[in-house]
Amino acid sequence: VVPGAALAVLLGVWAFNLGHLGFLLQCLKQINE
């Protein structure tokens, strides 16, 4: 994979990962409450 494409995918996936983790932990908090 050319580095530019890999970097674009990597940045996009990490943006998804961090946002997803916020959704996941909020869902867990709601279950706890």
All heavy atoms as atom14 arrays in JSON, in Angstrom:
{
  "sequence": "VVPGAALAVLLGVWAFNLGHLGFLLQCLKQINE",
  "atom14_mask": [
    [1, 1, 1, 1, 1, 1, 1, 0, 0, 0, 0, 0, 0, 0],
    [1, 1, 1, 1, 1, 1, 1, 0, 0, 0, 0, 0, 0, 0],
    [1, 1, 1, 1, 1, 1, 1, 0, 0, 0, 0, 0, 0, 0],
    [1, 1, 1, 1, 0, 0, 0, 0, 0, 0, 0, 0, 0, 0],
    [1, 1, 1, 1, 1, 0, 0, 0, 0, 0, 0, 0, 0, 0],
    [1, 1, 1, 1, 1, 0, 0, 0, 0, 0, 0, 0, 0, 0],
    [1, 1, 1, 1, 1, 1, 1, 1, 0, 0, 0, 0, 0, 0],
    [1, 1, 1, 1, 1, 0, 0, 0, 0, 0, 0, 0, 0, 0],
    [1, 1, 1, 1, 1, 1, 1, 0, 0, 0, 0, 0, 0, 0],
    [1, 1, 1, 1, 1, 1, 1, 1, 0, 0, 0, 0, 0, 0],
    [1, 1, 1, 1, 1, 1, 1, 1, 0, 0, 0, 0, 0, 0],
    [1, 1, 1, 1, 0, 0, 0, 0, 0, 0, 0, 0, 0, 0],
    [1, 1, 1, 1, 1, 1, 1, 0, 0, 0, 0, 0, 0, 0],
    [1, 1, 1, 1, 1, 1, 1, 1, 1, 1, 1, 1, 1, 1],
    [1, 1, 1, 1, 1, 0, 0, 0, 0, 0, 0, 0, 0, 0],
    [1, 1, 1, 1, 1, 1, 1, 1, 1, 1, 1, 0, 0, 0],
    [1, 1, 1, 1, 1, 1, 1, 1, 0, 0, 0, 0, 0, 0],
    [1, 1, 1, 1, 1, 1, 1, 1, 0, 0, 0, 0, 0, 0],
    [1, 1, 1, 1, 0, 0, 0, 0, 0, 0, 0, 0, 0, 0],
    [1, 1, 1, 1, 1, 1, 1, 1, 1, 1, 0, 0, 0, 0],
    [1, 1, 1, 1, 1, 1, 1, 1, 0, 0, 0, 0, 0, 0],
    [1, 1, 1, 1, 0, 0, 0, 0, 0, 0, 0, 0, 0, 0],
    [1, 1, 1, 1, 1, 1, 1, 1, 1, 1, 1, 0, 0, 0],
    [1, 1, 1, 1, 1, 1, 1, 1, 0, 0, 0, 0, 0, 0],
    [1, 1, 1, 1, 1, 1, 1, 1, 0, 0, 0, 0, 0, 0],
    [1, 1, 1, 1, 1, 1, 1, 1, 1, 0, 0, 0, 0, 0],
    [1, 1, 1, 1, 1, 1, 0, 0, 0, 0, 0, 0, 0, 0],
    [1, 1, 1, 1, 1, 1, 1, 1, 0, 0, 0, 0, 0, 0],
    [1, 1, 1, 1, 1, 1, 1, 1, 1, 0, 0, 0, 0, 0],
    [1, 1, 1, 1, 1, 1, 1, 1, 1, 0, 0, 0, 0, 0],
    [1, 1, 1, 1, 1, 1, 1, 1, 0, 0, 0, 0, 0, 0],
    [1, 1, 1, 1, 1, 1, 1, 1, 0, 0, 0, 0, 0, 0],
    [1, 1, 1, 1, 1, 1, 1, 1, 1, 0, 0, 0, 0, 0]
  ],
  "atom14_positions": [
    [[0.86, -1.18, 0.0], [0.0, 0.0, 0.0], [0.9, 1.23, 0.0], [1.86, 1.3, 0.77], [-0.91, 0.0, 1.25], [-1.78, 1.24, 1.29], [-1.77, -1.25, 1.29], [0.0, 0.0, 0.0], [0.0, 0.0, 0.0], [0.0, 0.0, 0.0], [0.0, 0.0, 0.0], [0.0, 0.0, 0.0], [0.0, 0.0, 0.0], [0.0, 0.0, 0.0]],
    [[0.58, 2.19, -0.86], [1.39, 3.4, -0.89], [1.17, 4.16, 0.41], [0.06, 4.15, 0.97], [1.05, 4.29, -2.11], [1.42, 3.61, -3.41], [-0.4, 4.69, -2.12], [0.0, 0.0, 0.0], [0.0, 0.0, 0.0], [0.0, 0.0, 0.0], [0.0, 0.0, 0.0], [0.0, 0.0, 0.0], [0.0, 0.0, 0.0], [0.0, 0.0, 0.0]],
    [[2.21, 4.79, 0.94], [2.11, 5.45, 2.24], [0.98, 6.48, 2.35], [0.33, 6.57, 3.39], [3.48, 6.11, 2.42], [4.4, 5.26, 1.61], [3.59, 4.81, 0.43], [0.0, 0.0, 0.0], [0.0, 0.0, 0.0], [0.0, 0.0, 0.0], [0.0, 0.0, 0.0], [0.0, 0.0, 0.0], [0.0, 0.0, 0.0], [0.0, 0.0, 0.0]],
    [[0.73, 7.24, 1.31], [-0.34, 8.24, 1.36], [-1.7, 7.61, 1.59], [-2.5, 8.09, 2.4], [0.0, 0.0, 0.0], [0.0, 0.0, 0.0], [0.0, 0.0, 0.0], [0.0, 0.0, 0.0], [0.0, 0.0, 0.0], [0.0, 0.0, 0.0], [0.0, 0.0, 0.0], [0.0, 0.0, 0.0], [0.0, 0.0, 0.0], [0.0, 0.0, 0.0]],
    [[-1.98, 6.52, 0.88], [-3.26, 5.83, 1.04], [-3.35, 5.2, 2.43], [-4.39, 5.27, 3.1], [-3.43, 4.77, -0.04], [0.0, 0.0, 0.0], [0.0, 0.0, 0.0], [0.0, 0.0, 0.0], [0.0, 0.0, 0.0], [0.0, 0.0, 0.0], [0.0, 0.0, 0.0], [0.0, 0.0, 0.0], [0.0, 0.0, 0.0], [0.0, 0.0, 0.0]],
    [[-2.24, 4.58, 2.86], [-2.24, 3.95, 4.18], [-2.45, 4.99, 5.27], [-3.2, 4.76, 6.22], [-0.93, 3.2, 4.4], [0.0, 0.0, 0.0], [0.0, 0.0, 0.0], [0.0, 0.0, 0.0], [0.0, 0.0, 0.0], [0.0, 0.0, 0.0], [0.0, 0.0, 0.0], [0.0, 0.0, 0.0], [0.0, 0.0, 0.0], [0.0, 0.0, 0.0]],
    [[-1.82, 6.15, 5.14], [-1.97, 7.2, 6.13], [-3.41, 7.71, 6.17], [-3.98, 7.92, 7.25], [-1.01, 8.35, 5.84], [-1.04, 9.51, 6.83], [-0.66, 9.05, 8.23], [-0.12, 10.63, 6.36], [0.0, 0.0, 0.0], [0.0, 0.0, 0.0], [0.0, 0.0, 0.0], [0.0, 0.0, 0.0], [0.0, 0.0, 0.0], [0.0, 0.0, 0.0]],
    [[-4.02, 7.88, 5.0], [-5.42, 8.34, 4.95], [-6.34, 7.33, 5.63], [-7.22, 7.7, 6.42], [-5.84, 8.57, 3.5], [0.0, 0.0, 0.0], [0.0, 0.0, 0.0], [0.0, 0.0, 0.0], [0.0, 0.0, 0.0], [0.0, 0.0, 0.0], [0.0, 0.0, 0.0], [0.0, 0.0, 0.0], [0.0, 0.0, 0.0], [0.0, 0.0, 0.0]],
    [[-6.14, 6.05, 5.33], [-6.96, 5.01, 5.95], [-6.71, 4.98, 7.46], [-7.64, 4.9, 8.26], [-6.69, 3.62, 5.32], [-7.35, 2.51, 6.11], [-7.17, 3.6, 3.87], [0.0, 0.0, 0.0], [0.0, 0.0, 0.0], [0.0, 0.0, 0.0], [0.0, 0.0, 0.0], [0.0, 0.0, 0.0], [0.0, 0.0, 0.0], [0.0, 0.0, 0.0]],
    [[-5.46, 5.05, 7.84], [-5.09, 5.01, 9.26], [-5.71, 6.17, 10.04], [-6.28, 5.97, 11.12], [-3.57, 5.05, 9.38], [-2.95, 4.47, 10.63], [-3.36, 3.03, 10.83], [-1.43, 4.57, 10.53], [0.0, 0.0, 0.0], [0.0, 0.0, 0.0], [0.0, 0.0, 0.0], [0.0, 0.0, 0.0], [0.0, 0.0, 0.0], [0.0, 0.0, 0.0]],
    [[-5.63, 7.38, 9.5], [-6.23, 8.53, 10.18], [-7.74, 8.41, 10.27], [-8.34, 8.71, 11.31], [-5.84, 9.83, 9.46], [-4.37, 10.25, 9.59], [-4.09, 11.48, 8.73], [-3.99, 10.5, 11.04], [0.0, 0.0, 0.0], [0.0, 0.0, 0.0], [0.0, 0.0, 0.0], [0.0, 0.0, 0.0], [0.0, 0.0, 0.0], [0.0, 0.0, 0.0]],
    [[-8.37, 7.97, 9.19], [-9.82, 7.79, 9.2], [-10.27, 6.73, 10.2], [-11.24, 6.92, 10.93], [0.0, 0.0, 0.0], [0.0, 0.0, 0.0], [0.0, 0.0, 0.0], [0.0, 0.0, 0.0], [0.0, 0.0, 0.0], [0.0, 0.0, 0.0], [0.0, 0.0, 0.0], [0.0, 0.0, 0.0], [0.0, 0.0, 0.0], [0.0, 0.0, 0.0]],
    [[-9.53, 5.63, 10.24], [-9.88, 4.56, 11.16], [-9.68, 5.01, 12.61], [-10.5, 4.71, 13.48], [-9.08, 3.28, 10.85], [-9.17, 2.27, 11.96], [-9.59, 2.66, 9.55], [0.0, 0.0, 0.0], [0.0, 0.0, 0.0], [0.0, 0.0, 0.0], [0.0, 0.0, 0.0], [0.0, 0.0, 0.0], [0.0, 0.0, 0.0], [0.0, 0.0, 0.0]],
    [[-8.61, 5.76, 12.88], [-8.39, 6.22, 14.25], [-9.42, 7.27, 14.67], [-9.82, 7.32, 15.82], [-6.96, 6.72, 14.44], [-6.1, 5.56, 14.84], [-5.39, 4.75, 14.01], [-5.92, 5.06, 16.16], [-4.77, 3.76, 14.75], [-5.07, 3.94, 16.08], [-6.38, 5.44, 17.41], [-4.69, 3.2, 17.19], [-6.0, 4.71, 18.53], [-5.16, 3.61, 18.41]],
    [[-9.89, 8.09, 13.74], [-10.98, 9.02, 14.05], [-12.23, 8.22, 14.42], [-12.92, 8.51, 15.4], [-11.25, 9.95, 12.87], [0.0, 0.0, 0.0], [0.0, 0.0, 0.0], [0.0, 0.0, 0.0], [0.0, 0.0, 0.0], [0.0, 0.0, 0.0], [0.0, 0.0, 0.0], [0.0, 0.0, 0.0], [0.0, 0.0, 0.0], [0.0, 0.0, 0.0]],
    [[-12.51, 7.18, 13.63], [-13.63, 6.29, 13.93], [-13.42, 5.62, 15.29], [-14.33, 5.56, 16.1], [-13.77, 5.23, 12.83], [-14.73, 4.13, 13.2], [-16.1, 4.3, 13.05], [-14.26, 2.93, 13.72], [-16.98, 3.29, 13.41], [-15.14, 1.91, 14.07], [-16.5, 2.1, 13.92], [0.0, 0.0, 0.0], [0.0, 0.0, 0.0], [0.0, 0.0, 0.0]],
    [[-12.21, 5.11, 15.54], [-11.93, 4.38, 16.78], [-12.2, 5.24, 18.01], [-12.82, 4.78, 18.97], [-10.47, 3.92, 16.82], [-10.17, 2.85, 15.8], [-11.06, 2.23, 15.22], [-8.89, 2.64, 15.54], [0.0, 0.0, 0.0], [0.0, 0.0, 0.0], [0.0, 0.0, 0.0], [0.0, 0.0, 0.0], [0.0, 0.0, 0.0], [0.0, 0.0, 0.0]],
    [[-11.7, 6.47, 18.0], [-11.87, 7.33, 19.16], [-13.32, 7.75, 19.36], [-13.82, 7.77, 20.49], [-10.95, 8.55, 19.05], [-9.46, 8.23, 19.04], [-8.64, 9.48, 18.82], [-9.03, 7.5, 20.3], [0.0, 0.0, 0.0], [0.0, 0.0, 0.0], [0.0, 0.0, 0.0], [0.0, 0.0, 0.0], [0.0, 0.0, 0.0], [0.0, 0.0, 0.0]],
    [[-14.01, 8.05, 18.28], [-15.44, 8.35, 18.39], [-16.24, 7.15, 18.83], [-17.14, 7.25, 19.68], [0.0, 0.0, 0.0], [0.0, 0.0, 0.0], [0.0, 0.0, 0.0], [0.0, 0.0, 0.0], [0.0, 0.0, 0.0], [0.0, 0.0, 0.0], [0.0, 0.0, 0.0], [0.0, 0.0, 0.0], [0.0, 0.0, 0.0], [0.0, 0.0, 0.0]],
    [[-15.91, 6.0, 18.27], [-16.61, 4.78, 18.63], [-16.43, 4.45, 20.11], [-17.37, 4.04, 20.79], [-16.09, 3.61, 17.78], [-16.75, 2.32, 18.1], [-16.26, 1.48, 19.08], [-17.85, 1.73, 17.6], [-17.04, 0.42, 19.17], [-18.01, 0.55, 18.28], [0.0, 0.0, 0.0], [0.0, 0.0, 0.0], [0.0, 0.0, 0.0], [0.0, 0.0, 0.0]],
    [[-15.22, 4.64, 20.62], [-14.97, 4.35, 22.03], [-15.85, 5.24, 22.92], [-16.38, 4.78, 23.93], [-13.49, 4.54, 22.36], [-13.07, 4.19, 23.79], [-13.44, 2.75, 24.14], [-11.58, 4.41, 23.96], [0.0, 0.0, 0.0], [0.0, 0.0, 0.0], [0.0, 0.0, 0.0], [0.0, 0.0, 0.0], [0.0, 0.0, 0.0], [0.0, 0.0, 0.0]],
    [[-16.04, 6.5, 22.54], [-16.94, 7.38, 23.28], [-18.37, 6.87, 23.27], [-19.06, 6.88, 24.31], [0.0, 0.0, 0.0], [0.0, 0.0, 0.0], [0.0, 0.0, 0.0], [0.0, 0.0, 0.0], [0.0, 0.0, 0.0], [0.0, 0.0, 0.0], [0.0, 0.0, 0.0], [0.0, 0.0, 0.0], [0.0, 0.0, 0.0], [0.0, 0.0, 0.0]],
    [[-18.85, 6.38, 22.12], [-20.2, 5.81, 22.04], [-20.31, 4.56, 22.92], [-21.28, 4.37, 23.64], [-20.56, 5.42, 20.61], [-20.73, 6.57, 19.67], [-20.25, 6.49, 18.37], [-21.37, 7.74, 20.05], [-20.41, 7.54, 17.48], [-21.52, 8.8, 19.18], [-21.05, 8.7, 17.89], [0.0, 0.0, 0.0], [0.0, 0.0, 0.0], [0.0, 0.0, 0.0]],
    [[-19.3, 3.72, 22.83], [-19.29, 2.46, 23.58], [-19.33, 2.71, 25.08], [-20.12, 2.09, 25.8], [-18.05, 1.66, 23.19], [-17.95, 0.25, 23.74], [-18.92, -0.66, 23.0], [-16.53, -0.26, 23.58], [0.0, 0.0, 0.0], [0.0, 0.0, 0.0], [0.0, 0.0, 0.0], [0.0, 0.0, 0.0], [0.0, 0.0, 0.0], [0.0, 0.0, 0.0]],
    [[-18.49, 3.62, 25.56], [-18.44, 3.89, 27.0], [-19.7, 4.59, 27.48], [-20.16, 4.36, 28.6], [-17.19, 4.69, 27.35], [-15.86, 3.97, 27.08], [-14.68, 4.87, 27.45], [-15.78, 2.64, 27.79], [0.0, 0.0, 0.0], [0.0, 0.0, 0.0], [0.0, 0.0, 0.0], [0.0, 0.0, 0.0], [0.0, 0.0, 0.0], [0.0, 0.0, 0.0]],
    [[-20.3, 5.43, 26.65], [-21.58, 6.07, 27.02], [-22.67, 5.01, 27.15], [-23.47, 5.06, 28.07], [-21.98, 7.12, 25.98], [-23.32, 7.78, 26.25], [-23.33, 8.62, 27.5], [-22.3, 9.08, 27.97], [-24.5, 8.85, 28.06], [0.0, 0.0, 0.0], [0.0, 0.0, 0.0], [0.0, 0.0, 0.0], [0.0, 0.0, 0.0], [0.0, 0.0, 0.0]],
    [[-22.68, 4.06, 26.25], [-23.66, 2.97, 26.32], [-23.46, 2.17, 27.61], [-24.42, 1.84, 28.31], [-23.52, 2.07, 25.09], [-24.82, 0.85, 24.92], [0.0, 0.0, 0.0], [0.0, 0.0, 0.0], [0.0, 0.0, 0.0], [0.0, 0.0, 0.0], [0.0, 0.0, 0.0], [0.0, 0.0, 0.0], [0.0, 0.0, 0.0], [0.0, 0.0, 0.0]],
    [[-22.22, 1.89, 27.95], [-21.9, 1.17, 29.18], [-22.34, 1.97, 30.4], [-22.88, 1.42, 31.37], [-20.4, 0.86, 29.24], [-19.92, 0.0, 30.39], [-20.61, -1.36, 30.38], [-18.4, -0.17, 30.3], [0.0, 0.0, 0.0], [0.0, 0.0, 0.0], [0.0, 0.0, 0.0], [0.0, 0.0, 0.0], [0.0, 0.0, 0.0], [0.0, 0.0, 0.0]],
    [[-22.12, 3.28, 30.37], [-22.55, 4.15, 31.47], [-24.07, 4.1, 31.64], [-24.58, 4.03, 32.75], [-22.09, 5.58, 31.22], [-22.48, 6.56, 32.3], [-22.01, 7.96, 31.95], [-22.48, 8.94, 33.01], [-22.66, 10.28, 32.46], [0.0, 0.0, 0.0], [0.0, 0.0, 0.0], [0.0, 0.0, 0.0], [0.0, 0.0, 0.0], [0.0, 0.0, 0.0]],
    [[-24.79, 4.12, 30.53], [-26.24, 4.07, 30.59], [-26.72, 2.73, 31.16], [-27.66, 2.7, 31.96], [-26.83, 4.32, 29.2], [-26.63, 5.74, 28.74], [-26.91, 5.93, 27.26], [-27.14, 5.0, 26.51], [-26.88, 7.19, 26.83], [0.0, 0.0, 0.0], [0.0, 0.0, 0.0], [0.0, 0.0, 0.0], [0.0, 0.0, 0.0], [0.0, 0.0, 0.0]],
    [[-26.06, 1.65, 30.79], [-26.41, 0.34, 31.36], [-26.17, 0.36, 32.86], [-27.01, -0.12, 33.64], [-25.6, -0.78, 30.68], [-26.05, -0.97, 29.23], [-25.73, -2.1, 31.45], [-25.14, -1.87, 28.4], [0.0, 0.0, 0.0], [0.0, 0.0, 0.0], [0.0, 0.0, 0.0], [0.0, 0.0, 0.0], [0.0, 0.0, 0.0], [0.0, 0.0, 0.0]],
    [[-25.03, 0.9, 33.3], [-24.73, 0.97, 34.74], [-25.77, 1.8, 35.49], [-26.2, 1.42, 36.59], [-23.34, 1.56, 34.97], [-22.23, 0.63, 34.52], [-22.43, -0.57, 34.37], [-21.06, 1.18, 34.29], [0.0, 0.0, 0.0], [0.0, 0.0, 0.0], [0.0, 0.0, 0.0], [0.0, 0.0, 0.0], [0.0, 0.0, 0.0], [0.0, 0.0, 0.0]],
    [[-26.18, 2.93, 34.93], [-27.17, 3.78, 35.58], [-28.53, 3.1, 35.65], [-29.22, 3.17, 36.67], [-27.28, 5.12, 34.86], [-26.06, 6.0, 35.05], [-26.06, 7.24, 34.19], [-26.84, 7.31, 33.2], [-25.27, 8.15, 34.48], [0.0, 0.0, 0.0], [0.0, 0.0, 0.0], [0.0, 0.0, 0.0], [0.0, 0.0, 0.0], [0.0, 0.0, 0.0]]
  ]
}
